[in-house]
């Protein structure tokens, strides 16, 4: 026999089990009487039993976390939540709604990826990185990728202008300096923490 546990389902079998008379257990053997008593106790605690089509017994129990009960209790005492409740009743606040059990619940904004994706991409691409002095996207993808030998083609300098070329060269120098500083910092750390190791013949 397999027992499956499914929390949060409706109480269907508990009603049938509550109608079970304890006096009808007299004709059952002792072991079966204990099982029926246990099932009856579980049913009185809100545990439900269902028989699946393949003969398995499904056990369902509805439980509530003590944290949920604490949150519900605090919502009735908090002055901010009391203001929210008044605003919801007066239809001034639409970000929350009052659930069937009386608790405040935040509504799903039902956002659209077409709206959110450009904003996220903008925030990512424009985040300033202090070590390299620019956004990572700008350092990696902001300029056209060319080899250092043919960085600018003939005639392109007049189109782009000397300021843009100068800015690109300065940013490259800045990145190289920052990388060199980081490498020297790692090298000096390794030199300070270095120790000589001596080995013996039998080691």
N, C-alpha and C. Protein backbone atom coordinates (compact mmCIF):
# COMPACT_ATOMS: atom_id res chain seq x y z
N UNK A 1 0.85 -1.17 0.00
CA UNK A 1 0.00 0.00 0.00
C UNK A 1 0.90 1.24 0.00
N UNK A 2 0.67 2.17 -0.92
CA UNK A 2 1.42 3.42 -0.99
C UNK A 2 0.58 4.54 -0.41
N UNK A 3 1.19 5.39 0.41
CA UNK A 3 0.50 6.54 0.97
C UNK A 3 1.18 7.78 0.42
N UNK A 4 0.41 8.61 -0.27
CA UNK A 4 0.92 9.84 -0.85
C UNK A 4 0.40 11.02 -0.05
N UNK A 5 1.22 12.03 0.14
CA UNK A 5 0.85 13.20 0.93
C UNK A 5 0.69 14.39 0.00
N UNK A 6 -0.49 15.00 -0.02
CA UNK A 6 -0.79 16.17 -0.85
C UNK A 6 -1.36 17.26 0.04
N UNK A 7 -0.56 18.29 0.44
CA UNK A 7 -1.09 19.33 1.32
C UNK A 7 -2.02 20.28 0.58
N UNK A 8 -2.98 20.84 1.33
CA UNK A 8 -3.81 21.90 0.81
C UNK A 8 -5.05 21.47 0.05
N UNK A 9 -5.46 20.25 0.08
CA UNK A 9 -6.64 19.80 -0.66
C UNK A 9 -7.88 19.90 0.22
N UNK A 10 -9.04 19.86 -0.40
CA UNK A 10 -10.31 19.99 0.32
C UNK A 10 -10.59 18.74 1.15
N UNK A 11 -11.36 18.92 2.20
CA UNK A 11 -11.68 17.83 3.11
C UNK A 11 -12.89 17.07 2.57
N UNK A 12 -12.63 15.94 1.93
CA UNK A 12 -13.70 15.16 1.32
C UNK A 12 -13.99 13.91 2.14
N UNK A 13 -12.95 13.21 2.55
CA UNK A 13 -13.14 11.93 3.22
C UNK A 13 -13.36 12.10 4.71
N UNK A 14 -12.94 13.23 5.27
CA UNK A 14 -13.07 13.41 6.72
C UNK A 14 -14.53 13.33 7.15
N UNK A 15 -15.43 13.80 6.30
CA UNK A 15 -16.85 13.73 6.64
C UNK A 15 -17.30 12.28 6.73
N UNK A 16 -16.87 11.46 5.78
CA UNK A 16 -17.25 10.05 5.81
C UNK A 16 -16.63 9.35 7.01
N UNK A 17 -15.39 9.69 7.35
CA UNK A 17 -14.74 9.06 8.49
C UNK A 17 -15.35 9.52 9.81
N UNK A 18 -15.85 10.76 9.85
CA UNK A 18 -16.45 11.23 11.10
C UNK A 18 -17.77 10.53 11.38
N UNK A 19 -18.41 10.01 10.34
CA UNK A 19 -19.66 9.26 10.53
C UNK A 19 -19.41 7.83 10.99
N UNK A 20 -18.15 7.41 10.98
CA UNK A 20 -17.81 6.06 11.39
C UNK A 20 -18.04 5.89 12.88
N UNK A 21 -18.79 4.93 13.25
CA UNK A 21 -19.12 4.69 14.65
C UNK A 21 -18.04 3.82 15.28
N UNK A 22 -17.57 4.22 16.46
CA UNK A 22 -16.57 3.41 17.15
C UNK A 22 -17.17 2.09 17.64
N UNK A 23 -18.48 2.02 17.80
CA UNK A 23 -19.12 0.78 18.23
C UNK A 23 -19.08 -0.30 17.17
N UNK A 24 -18.87 0.09 15.91
CA UNK A 24 -18.85 -0.91 14.84
C UNK A 24 -17.52 -1.62 14.73
N UNK A 25 -16.56 -1.32 15.60
CA UNK A 25 -15.24 -1.94 15.55
C UNK A 25 -15.17 -3.25 16.32
N UNK A 26 -16.24 -3.62 16.98
CA UNK A 26 -16.21 -4.79 17.84
C UNK A 26 -15.90 -6.06 17.06
N UNK A 27 -16.43 -6.18 15.87
CA UNK A 27 -16.25 -7.41 15.10
C UNK A 27 -14.89 -7.49 14.41
N UNK A 28 -14.06 -6.43 14.46
CA UNK A 28 -12.75 -6.43 13.81
C UNK A 28 -11.68 -6.98 14.74
N UNK A 29 -10.64 -7.60 14.19
CA UNK A 29 -9.51 -8.04 15.03
C UNK A 29 -8.81 -6.82 15.65
N UNK A 30 -8.02 -7.05 16.69
CA UNK A 30 -7.38 -5.97 17.46
C UNK A 30 -6.49 -5.08 16.60
N UNK A 31 -5.72 -5.68 15.69
CA UNK A 31 -4.80 -4.90 14.86
C UNK A 31 -5.58 -3.95 13.97
N UNK A 32 -6.65 -4.44 13.37
CA UNK A 32 -7.45 -3.59 12.49
C UNK A 32 -8.17 -2.52 13.30
N UNK A 33 -8.57 -2.84 14.54
CA UNK A 33 -9.22 -1.84 15.38
C UNK A 33 -8.26 -0.67 15.66
N UNK A 34 -6.99 -0.99 15.92
CA UNK A 34 -6.00 0.07 16.17
C UNK A 34 -5.82 0.95 14.93
N UNK A 35 -5.79 0.32 13.77
CA UNK A 35 -5.63 1.08 12.52
C UNK A 35 -6.81 2.01 12.32
N UNK A 36 -8.02 1.49 12.54
CA UNK A 36 -9.22 2.31 12.35
C UNK A 36 -9.24 3.45 13.36
N UNK A 37 -8.84 3.20 14.60
CA UNK A 37 -8.78 4.27 15.61
C UNK A 37 -7.78 5.36 15.19
N UNK A 38 -6.61 4.92 14.68
CA UNK A 38 -5.61 5.89 14.24
C UNK A 38 -6.13 6.73 13.07
N UNK A 39 -6.80 6.08 12.15
CA UNK A 39 -7.37 6.79 11.00
C UNK A 39 -8.42 7.78 11.48
N UNK A 40 -9.24 7.38 12.45
CA UNK A 40 -10.28 8.26 12.98
C UNK A 40 -9.65 9.47 13.68
N UNK A 41 -8.55 9.25 14.45
CA UNK A 41 -7.86 10.35 15.11
C UNK A 41 -7.27 11.32 14.08
N UNK A 42 -6.68 10.75 13.03
CA UNK A 42 -6.11 11.60 11.98
C UNK A 42 -7.19 12.41 11.28
N UNK A 43 -8.35 11.79 11.06
CA UNK A 43 -9.45 12.50 10.42
C UNK A 43 -9.93 13.65 11.29
N UNK A 44 -9.93 13.46 12.60
CA UNK A 44 -10.35 14.54 13.50
C UNK A 44 -9.33 15.68 13.51
N UNK A 45 -8.09 15.41 13.13
CA UNK A 45 -7.05 16.45 13.04
C UNK A 45 -7.03 17.14 11.67
N UNK A 46 -7.91 16.73 10.78
CA UNK A 46 -7.97 17.36 9.46
C UNK A 46 -7.23 16.62 8.38
N UNK A 47 -6.71 15.43 8.67
CA UNK A 47 -6.02 14.64 7.66
C UNK A 47 -7.07 13.91 6.84
N UNK A 48 -6.90 13.93 5.53
CA UNK A 48 -7.89 13.31 4.65
C UNK A 48 -7.25 12.16 3.89
N UNK A 49 -8.05 11.14 3.62
CA UNK A 49 -7.59 9.95 2.90
C UNK A 49 -8.43 9.79 1.64
N UNK A 50 -7.76 9.52 0.52
CA UNK A 50 -8.44 9.26 -0.74
C UNK A 50 -7.90 7.98 -1.32
N UNK A 51 -8.75 7.25 -1.99
CA UNK A 51 -8.29 6.05 -2.69
C UNK A 51 -8.15 6.39 -4.16
N UNK A 52 -6.96 6.17 -4.69
CA UNK A 52 -6.71 6.44 -6.10
C UNK A 52 -7.28 5.32 -6.94
N UNK A 53 -7.33 5.55 -8.25
CA UNK A 53 -7.90 4.56 -9.16
C UNK A 53 -7.09 3.26 -9.18
N UNK A 54 -5.79 3.36 -8.92
CA UNK A 54 -4.96 2.16 -8.94
C UNK A 54 -4.89 1.47 -7.59
N UNK A 55 -5.71 1.88 -6.62
CA UNK A 55 -5.78 1.22 -5.33
C UNK A 55 -4.91 1.83 -4.25
N UNK A 56 -4.10 2.83 -4.58
CA UNK A 56 -3.27 3.49 -3.57
C UNK A 56 -4.13 4.39 -2.69
N UNK A 57 -3.63 4.67 -1.50
CA UNK A 57 -4.31 5.59 -0.59
C UNK A 57 -3.53 6.90 -0.58
N UNK A 58 -4.22 8.00 -0.85
CA UNK A 58 -3.60 9.32 -0.87
C UNK A 58 -3.98 10.03 0.43
N UNK A 59 -2.96 10.49 1.15
CA UNK A 59 -3.17 11.19 2.42
C UNK A 59 -2.94 12.67 2.18
N UNK A 60 -3.92 13.49 2.58
CA UNK A 60 -3.80 14.93 2.41
C UNK A 60 -3.97 15.61 3.76
N UNK A 61 -3.12 16.59 4.00
CA UNK A 61 -3.17 17.29 5.27
C UNK A 61 -3.03 18.78 5.01
N UNK A 62 -3.91 19.57 5.57
CA UNK A 62 -3.84 21.01 5.44
C UNK A 62 -3.19 21.57 6.70
N UNK A 63 -2.04 22.20 6.52
CA UNK A 63 -1.34 22.78 7.67
C UNK A 63 -1.09 24.25 7.40
N UNK A 64 -0.88 24.99 8.46
CA UNK A 64 -0.55 26.40 8.33
C UNK A 64 0.67 26.69 9.17
N UNK A 65 1.61 27.37 8.60
CA UNK A 65 2.84 27.70 9.30
C UNK A 65 2.56 28.67 10.45
N UNK A 66 3.32 28.55 11.51
CA UNK A 66 3.17 29.50 12.62
C UNK A 66 3.62 30.89 12.19
N UNK A 67 4.51 30.97 11.19
CA UNK A 67 4.92 32.26 10.68
C UNK A 67 3.76 32.97 9.98
N UNK A 68 2.96 32.20 9.23
CA UNK A 68 1.80 32.78 8.55
C UNK A 68 0.82 33.33 9.58
N UNK A 69 0.58 32.56 10.65
CA UNK A 69 -0.32 33.03 11.70
C UNK A 69 0.21 34.29 12.36
N UNK A 70 1.52 34.36 12.57
CA UNK A 70 2.13 35.54 13.17
C UNK A 70 2.00 36.76 12.25
N UNK A 71 2.20 36.56 10.94
CA UNK A 71 2.07 37.65 9.98
C UNK A 71 0.63 38.16 9.96
N UNK A 72 -0.33 37.23 9.96
CA UNK A 72 -1.74 37.64 9.98
C UNK A 72 -2.05 38.46 11.22
N UNK A 73 -1.54 38.03 12.36
CA UNK A 73 -1.80 38.74 13.61
C UNK A 73 -1.19 40.13 13.58
N UNK A 74 0.04 40.25 13.07
CA UNK A 74 0.72 41.54 13.04
C UNK A 74 0.07 42.51 12.05
N UNK A 75 -0.57 41.99 11.00
CA UNK A 75 -1.20 42.87 10.02
C UNK A 75 -2.36 43.66 10.63
N UNK A 76 -3.00 43.12 11.64
CA UNK A 76 -4.12 43.81 12.26
C UNK A 76 -3.66 44.85 13.27
N UNK A 77 -2.40 44.76 13.73
CA UNK A 77 -1.88 45.70 14.73
C UNK A 77 -1.03 46.82 14.12
N UNK A 78 -0.49 46.60 12.95
CA UNK A 78 0.44 47.55 12.34
C UNK A 78 -0.32 48.76 11.78
N UNK A 79 0.06 50.00 12.16
CA UNK A 79 -0.66 51.17 11.65
C UNK A 79 -0.52 51.36 10.14
N UNK A 80 0.62 50.95 9.57
CA UNK A 80 0.80 51.09 8.12
C UNK A 80 -0.18 50.18 7.38
N UNK A 81 -0.31 48.93 7.86
CA UNK A 81 -1.24 48.01 7.22
C UNK A 81 -2.68 48.45 7.42
N UNK A 82 -2.98 49.09 8.55
CA UNK A 82 -4.33 49.61 8.75
C UNK A 82 -4.63 50.71 7.74
N UNK A 83 -3.64 51.54 7.42
CA UNK A 83 -3.82 52.56 6.39
C UNK A 83 -4.03 51.91 5.02
N UNK A 84 -3.28 50.83 4.76
CA UNK A 84 -3.47 50.12 3.49
C UNK A 84 -4.88 49.56 3.40
N UNK A 85 -5.38 48.99 4.48
CA UNK A 85 -6.73 48.43 4.47
C UNK A 85 -7.76 49.51 4.16
N UNK A 86 -7.62 50.67 4.79
CA UNK A 86 -8.54 51.77 4.51
C UNK A 86 -8.45 52.20 3.05
N UNK A 87 -7.21 52.29 2.54
CA UNK A 87 -7.02 52.68 1.15
C UNK A 87 -7.61 51.68 0.17
N UNK A 88 -7.54 50.40 0.51
CA UNK A 88 -8.13 49.36 -0.36
C UNK A 88 -9.64 49.47 -0.34
N UNK A 89 -10.22 49.66 0.83
CA UNK A 89 -11.68 49.78 0.94
C UNK A 89 -12.20 51.00 0.19
N UNK A 90 -11.41 52.09 0.19
CA UNK A 90 -11.81 53.32 -0.50
C UNK A 90 -11.35 53.33 -1.95
N UNK A 91 -10.77 52.25 -2.43
CA UNK A 91 -10.30 52.08 -3.81
C UNK A 91 -9.21 53.09 -4.18
N UNK A 92 -8.39 53.50 -3.20
CA UNK A 92 -7.26 54.38 -3.48
C UNK A 92 -5.99 53.59 -3.73
N UNK A 93 -5.87 52.40 -3.13
CA UNK A 93 -4.67 51.57 -3.26
C UNK A 93 -5.03 50.33 -4.07
N UNK A 94 -4.28 50.12 -5.16
CA UNK A 94 -4.56 48.96 -6.02
C UNK A 94 -3.43 47.94 -6.01
N UNK A 95 -2.32 48.25 -5.33
CA UNK A 95 -1.19 47.32 -5.31
C UNK A 95 -1.44 46.14 -4.40
N UNK A 96 -2.40 46.26 -3.46
CA UNK A 96 -2.73 45.18 -2.53
C UNK A 96 -4.21 44.84 -2.67
N UNK A 97 -4.56 43.66 -2.21
CA UNK A 97 -5.96 43.30 -2.06
C UNK A 97 -6.13 42.53 -0.76
N UNK A 98 -7.36 42.43 -0.29
CA UNK A 98 -7.64 41.71 0.95
C UNK A 98 -8.12 40.32 0.56
N UNK A 99 -7.42 39.30 1.05
CA UNK A 99 -7.75 37.91 0.71
C UNK A 99 -8.98 37.46 1.49
N UNK A 100 -9.45 36.25 1.18
CA UNK A 100 -10.64 35.71 1.83
C UNK A 100 -10.45 35.55 3.33
N UNK A 101 -9.21 35.25 3.76
CA UNK A 101 -8.95 35.07 5.19
C UNK A 101 -8.65 36.38 5.90
N UNK A 102 -8.77 37.52 5.19
CA UNK A 102 -8.60 38.82 5.81
C UNK A 102 -7.20 39.39 5.76
N UNK A 103 -6.26 38.68 5.17
CA UNK A 103 -4.88 39.17 5.12
C UNK A 103 -4.67 40.04 3.89
N UNK A 104 -3.71 40.93 4.00
CA UNK A 104 -3.33 41.76 2.85
C UNK A 104 -2.39 40.98 1.96
N UNK A 105 -2.65 41.01 0.68
CA UNK A 105 -1.79 40.31 -0.28
C UNK A 105 -1.41 41.28 -1.39
N UNK A 106 -0.16 41.18 -1.81
CA UNK A 106 0.33 42.01 -2.91
C UNK A 106 -0.17 41.42 -4.22
N UNK A 107 -0.67 42.28 -5.10
CA UNK A 107 -1.18 41.80 -6.38
C UNK A 107 -0.04 41.65 -7.37
N UNK A 108 -0.18 40.71 -8.27
CA UNK A 108 0.80 40.50 -9.33
C UNK A 108 0.71 41.65 -10.31
N UNK A 109 1.82 42.35 -10.58
CA UNK A 109 1.74 43.50 -11.48
C UNK A 109 1.46 43.12 -12.93
N UNK A 110 1.53 41.86 -13.28
CA UNK A 110 1.27 41.38 -14.63
C UNK A 110 2.12 42.16 -15.64
N UNK A 111 3.43 42.13 -15.40
CA UNK A 111 4.35 42.86 -16.25
C UNK A 111 4.54 42.19 -17.61
N UNK A 112 5.13 42.94 -18.50
CA UNK A 112 5.37 42.48 -19.86
C UNK A 112 6.88 42.48 -20.09
N UNK A 113 7.42 41.38 -20.59
CA UNK A 113 8.86 41.30 -20.82
C UNK A 113 9.32 42.34 -21.83
N UNK A 114 8.44 42.73 -22.75
CA UNK A 114 8.82 43.74 -23.73
C UNK A 114 9.12 45.08 -23.06
N UNK A 115 8.50 45.33 -21.90
CA UNK A 115 8.74 46.57 -21.17
C UNK A 115 9.97 46.43 -20.29
N UNK A 116 10.11 45.29 -19.60
CA UNK A 116 11.17 45.14 -18.61
C UNK A 116 12.54 44.84 -19.21
N UNK A 117 12.61 44.10 -20.30
CA UNK A 117 13.89 43.70 -20.86
C UNK A 117 14.77 44.89 -21.27
N UNK A 118 14.25 45.90 -21.97
CA UNK A 118 15.13 47.03 -22.29
C UNK A 118 15.65 47.77 -21.06
N UNK A 119 14.83 47.84 -20.01
CA UNK A 119 15.28 48.51 -18.79
C UNK A 119 16.40 47.73 -18.11
N UNK A 120 16.27 46.41 -18.06
CA UNK A 120 17.30 45.57 -17.46
C UNK A 120 18.59 45.65 -18.28
N UNK A 121 18.43 45.59 -19.60
CA UNK A 121 19.60 45.68 -20.48
C UNK A 121 20.29 47.03 -20.33
N UNK A 122 19.50 48.09 -20.22
CA UNK A 122 20.07 49.43 -20.03
C UNK A 122 20.86 49.51 -18.73
N UNK A 123 20.28 48.97 -17.64
CA UNK A 123 20.95 49.00 -16.34
C UNK A 123 22.25 48.19 -16.37
N UNK A 124 22.23 47.05 -17.04
CA UNK A 124 23.43 46.22 -17.13
C UNK A 124 24.51 46.90 -17.96
N UNK A 125 24.12 47.41 -19.11
CA UNK A 125 25.09 47.97 -20.04
C UNK A 125 25.69 49.29 -19.55
N UNK A 126 25.00 49.99 -18.68
CA UNK A 126 25.47 51.30 -18.23
C UNK A 126 26.00 51.30 -16.81
N UNK A 127 26.25 50.14 -16.25
CA UNK A 127 26.80 50.09 -14.89
C UNK A 127 28.28 50.45 -14.94
N UNK A 128 28.67 51.42 -14.17
CA UNK A 128 30.05 51.92 -14.17
C UNK A 128 30.91 51.01 -13.32
N UNK A 129 32.06 50.60 -13.85
CA UNK A 129 32.98 49.74 -13.12
C UNK A 129 34.21 50.57 -12.78
N UNK A 130 34.47 50.75 -11.48
CA UNK A 130 35.52 51.68 -11.05
C UNK A 130 36.92 51.21 -11.43
N UNK A 131 37.14 49.91 -11.51
CA UNK A 131 38.49 49.42 -11.79
C UNK A 131 38.93 49.75 -13.22
N UNK A 132 38.03 49.59 -14.18
CA UNK A 132 38.41 49.87 -15.57
C UNK A 132 37.98 51.27 -16.00
N UNK A 133 37.22 51.97 -15.16
CA UNK A 133 36.86 53.35 -15.46
C UNK A 133 35.76 53.50 -16.48
N UNK A 134 34.98 52.46 -16.72
CA UNK A 134 33.87 52.52 -17.68
C UNK A 134 32.97 51.32 -17.45
N UNK A 135 31.88 51.27 -18.19
CA UNK A 135 30.99 50.12 -18.10
C UNK A 135 31.64 48.91 -18.76
N UNK A 136 31.46 47.71 -18.21
CA UNK A 136 32.06 46.52 -18.83
C UNK A 136 31.61 46.32 -20.27
N UNK A 137 30.36 46.60 -20.54
CA UNK A 137 29.86 46.44 -21.90
C UNK A 137 30.58 47.39 -22.85
N UNK A 138 30.82 48.61 -22.37
CA UNK A 138 31.53 49.58 -23.21
C UNK A 138 32.96 49.13 -23.45
N UNK A 139 33.60 48.56 -22.43
CA UNK A 139 34.97 48.09 -22.59
C UNK A 139 35.04 46.92 -23.56
N UNK A 140 34.04 46.04 -23.52
CA UNK A 140 34.07 44.86 -24.37
C UNK A 140 33.46 45.09 -25.75
N UNK A 141 32.33 45.80 -25.80
CA UNK A 141 31.56 45.85 -27.04
C UNK A 141 31.27 47.27 -27.54
N UNK A 142 31.68 48.28 -26.79
CA UNK A 142 31.29 49.64 -27.14
C UNK A 142 31.92 50.17 -28.41
N UNK A 143 33.04 49.63 -28.81
CA UNK A 143 33.72 50.08 -30.03
C UNK A 143 33.75 48.94 -31.04
N UNK A 144 33.97 49.31 -32.28
CA UNK A 144 34.08 48.27 -33.31
C UNK A 144 35.35 47.48 -33.07
N UNK A 145 35.27 46.18 -33.15
CA UNK A 145 36.41 45.32 -32.85
C UNK A 145 37.31 45.19 -34.07
N UNK A 146 38.54 45.64 -33.91
CA UNK A 146 39.53 45.50 -34.98
C UNK A 146 40.84 45.11 -34.34
N UNK A 147 41.73 44.58 -35.12
CA UNK A 147 43.05 44.23 -34.58
C UNK A 147 43.82 45.52 -34.31
N UNK A 148 44.78 45.50 -33.38
CA UNK A 148 45.53 46.72 -33.08
C UNK A 148 46.29 47.27 -34.28
N UNK A 149 46.65 46.42 -35.23
CA UNK A 149 47.40 46.90 -36.39
C UNK A 149 46.50 47.73 -37.30
N UNK A 150 45.33 47.23 -37.61
CA UNK A 150 44.44 47.95 -38.50
C UNK A 150 43.28 48.56 -37.74
N UNK A 151 43.58 49.27 -36.66
CA UNK A 151 42.51 49.78 -35.80
C UNK A 151 41.60 50.73 -36.56
N UNK A 152 42.17 51.61 -37.31
CA UNK A 152 41.37 52.52 -38.13
C UNK A 152 41.87 52.41 -39.57
N UNK A 153 40.91 52.36 -40.46
CA UNK A 153 41.29 52.27 -41.87
C UNK A 153 41.57 53.65 -42.42
N UNK A 154 42.18 53.68 -43.58
CA UNK A 154 42.54 54.94 -44.21
C UNK A 154 41.26 55.69 -44.55
N UNK A 155 41.21 56.97 -44.22
CA UNK A 155 40.04 57.80 -44.52
C UNK A 155 39.00 57.77 -43.42
N UNK A 156 39.07 56.82 -42.52
CA UNK A 156 38.07 56.73 -41.46
C UNK A 156 38.32 57.78 -40.38
N UNK A 157 39.55 58.23 -40.26
CA UNK A 157 39.88 59.21 -39.24
C UNK A 157 39.10 60.50 -39.46
N UNK A 158 38.95 60.90 -40.71
CA UNK A 158 38.21 62.13 -40.98
C UNK A 158 36.72 61.96 -40.63
N UNK A 159 36.18 60.75 -40.82
CA UNK A 159 34.76 60.52 -40.54
C UNK A 159 34.51 60.51 -39.04
N UNK A 160 35.35 59.79 -38.28
CA UNK A 160 35.14 59.65 -36.85
C UNK A 160 35.59 60.88 -36.07
N UNK A 161 36.57 61.55 -36.55
CA UNK A 161 37.06 62.73 -35.86
C UNK A 161 38.17 62.38 -34.89
N UNK A 162 39.07 63.32 -34.68
CA UNK A 162 40.22 63.05 -33.82
C UNK A 162 39.84 62.87 -32.34
N UNK A 163 38.77 63.52 -31.88
CA UNK A 163 38.38 63.38 -30.47
C UNK A 163 37.96 61.95 -30.14
N UNK A 164 37.20 61.34 -31.01
CA UNK A 164 36.73 59.97 -30.77
C UNK A 164 37.91 59.00 -30.76
N UNK A 165 38.83 59.19 -31.66
CA UNK A 165 40.01 58.33 -31.71
C UNK A 165 40.85 58.52 -30.45
N UNK A 166 41.02 59.76 -30.04
CA UNK A 166 41.80 60.04 -28.83
C UNK A 166 41.14 59.41 -27.60
N UNK A 167 39.81 59.50 -27.50
CA UNK A 167 39.09 58.89 -26.36
C UNK A 167 39.28 57.38 -26.34
N UNK A 168 39.19 56.76 -27.52
CA UNK A 168 39.36 55.30 -27.58
C UNK A 168 40.76 54.90 -27.14
N UNK A 169 41.76 55.62 -27.60
CA UNK A 169 43.14 55.31 -27.23
C UNK A 169 43.36 55.52 -25.74
N UNK A 170 42.79 56.59 -25.17
CA UNK A 170 42.94 56.85 -23.73
C UNK A 170 42.27 55.75 -22.90
N UNK A 171 41.11 55.28 -23.33
CA UNK A 171 40.43 54.21 -22.59
C UNK A 171 41.23 52.91 -22.64
N UNK A 172 41.84 52.65 -23.77
CA UNK A 172 42.68 51.45 -23.89
C UNK A 172 43.88 51.55 -22.95
N UNK A 173 44.50 52.74 -22.90
CA UNK A 173 45.63 52.94 -21.99
C UNK A 173 45.19 52.75 -20.53
N UNK A 174 44.03 53.29 -20.19
CA UNK A 174 43.52 53.17 -18.82
C UNK A 174 43.29 51.71 -18.44
N UNK A 175 42.72 50.95 -19.35
CA UNK A 175 42.48 49.52 -19.09
C UNK A 175 43.80 48.79 -18.91
N UNK A 176 44.78 49.08 -19.77
CA UNK A 176 46.09 48.43 -19.65
C UNK A 176 46.76 48.77 -18.32
N UNK A 177 46.66 50.04 -17.89
CA UNK A 177 47.26 50.44 -16.62
C UNK A 177 46.60 49.72 -15.44
N UNK A 178 45.28 49.63 -15.49
CA UNK A 178 44.56 48.96 -14.40
C UNK A 178 44.93 47.48 -14.34
N UNK A 179 45.04 46.84 -15.49
CA UNK A 179 45.43 45.43 -15.52
C UNK A 179 46.86 45.25 -15.00
N UNK A 180 47.77 46.17 -15.39
CA UNK A 180 49.15 46.09 -14.92
C UNK A 180 49.21 46.28 -13.41
N UNK A 181 48.42 47.21 -12.86
CA UNK A 181 48.38 47.42 -11.41
C UNK A 181 47.89 46.18 -10.69
N UNK A 182 46.84 45.56 -11.22
CA UNK A 182 46.30 44.35 -10.59
C UNK A 182 47.32 43.22 -10.63
N UNK A 183 48.03 43.08 -11.75
CA UNK A 183 49.04 42.02 -11.86
C UNK A 183 50.19 42.26 -10.89
N UNK A 184 50.64 43.51 -10.76
CA UNK A 184 51.75 43.79 -9.85
C UNK A 184 51.32 43.58 -8.40
N UNK A 185 50.06 43.89 -8.08
CA UNK A 185 49.55 43.66 -6.73
C UNK A 185 49.57 42.17 -6.42
N UNK A 186 49.14 41.35 -7.38
CA UNK A 186 49.15 39.90 -7.17
C UNK A 186 50.59 39.38 -7.05
N UNK A 187 51.47 39.94 -7.85
CA UNK A 187 52.87 39.50 -7.83
C UNK A 187 53.52 39.85 -6.50
N UNK A 188 53.29 41.06 -5.99
CA UNK A 188 53.89 41.46 -4.72
C UNK A 188 53.32 40.63 -3.57
N UNK A 189 52.06 40.29 -3.63
CA UNK A 189 51.46 39.44 -2.61
C UNK A 189 52.12 38.07 -2.62
N UNK A 190 52.35 37.53 -3.81
CA UNK A 190 52.98 36.21 -3.91
C UNK A 190 54.42 36.24 -3.41
N UNK A 191 55.15 37.33 -3.67
CA UNK A 191 56.54 37.43 -3.23
C UNK A 191 56.61 37.53 -1.72
N UNK A 192 55.72 38.29 -1.09
CA UNK A 192 55.72 38.46 0.36
C UNK A 192 55.42 37.15 1.06
N UNK A 193 54.49 36.38 0.53
CA UNK A 193 54.06 35.14 1.17
C UNK A 193 54.86 33.92 0.72
N UNK A 194 55.90 34.15 -0.02
CA UNK A 194 56.70 33.02 -0.50
C UNK A 194 57.64 32.56 0.60
N UNK A 195 57.85 31.28 0.69
CA UNK A 195 58.80 30.72 1.65
C UNK A 195 59.60 29.62 0.96
N UNK A 196 60.81 29.50 1.37
CA UNK A 196 61.68 28.47 0.80
C UNK A 196 61.37 27.13 1.45
N UNK A 197 61.31 26.11 0.63
CA UNK A 197 61.03 24.77 1.12
C UNK A 197 62.26 23.91 0.87
N UNK A 198 62.69 23.23 1.89
CA UNK A 198 63.84 22.34 1.76
C UNK A 198 63.36 20.90 1.85
N UNK A 199 63.91 20.07 1.00
CA UNK A 199 63.54 18.66 0.97
C UNK A 199 64.74 17.81 1.39
N UNK A 200 64.45 16.74 2.05
CA UNK A 200 65.47 15.76 2.43
C UNK A 200 65.44 14.61 1.43
N UNK A 201 66.39 13.75 1.50
CA UNK A 201 66.52 12.64 0.56
C UNK A 201 65.34 11.68 0.66
N UNK A 202 64.86 11.40 1.86
CA UNK A 202 63.80 10.41 2.03
C UNK A 202 62.39 11.00 1.94
N UNK A 203 62.24 12.25 1.65
CA UNK A 203 60.90 12.87 1.61
C UNK A 203 60.08 12.39 0.45
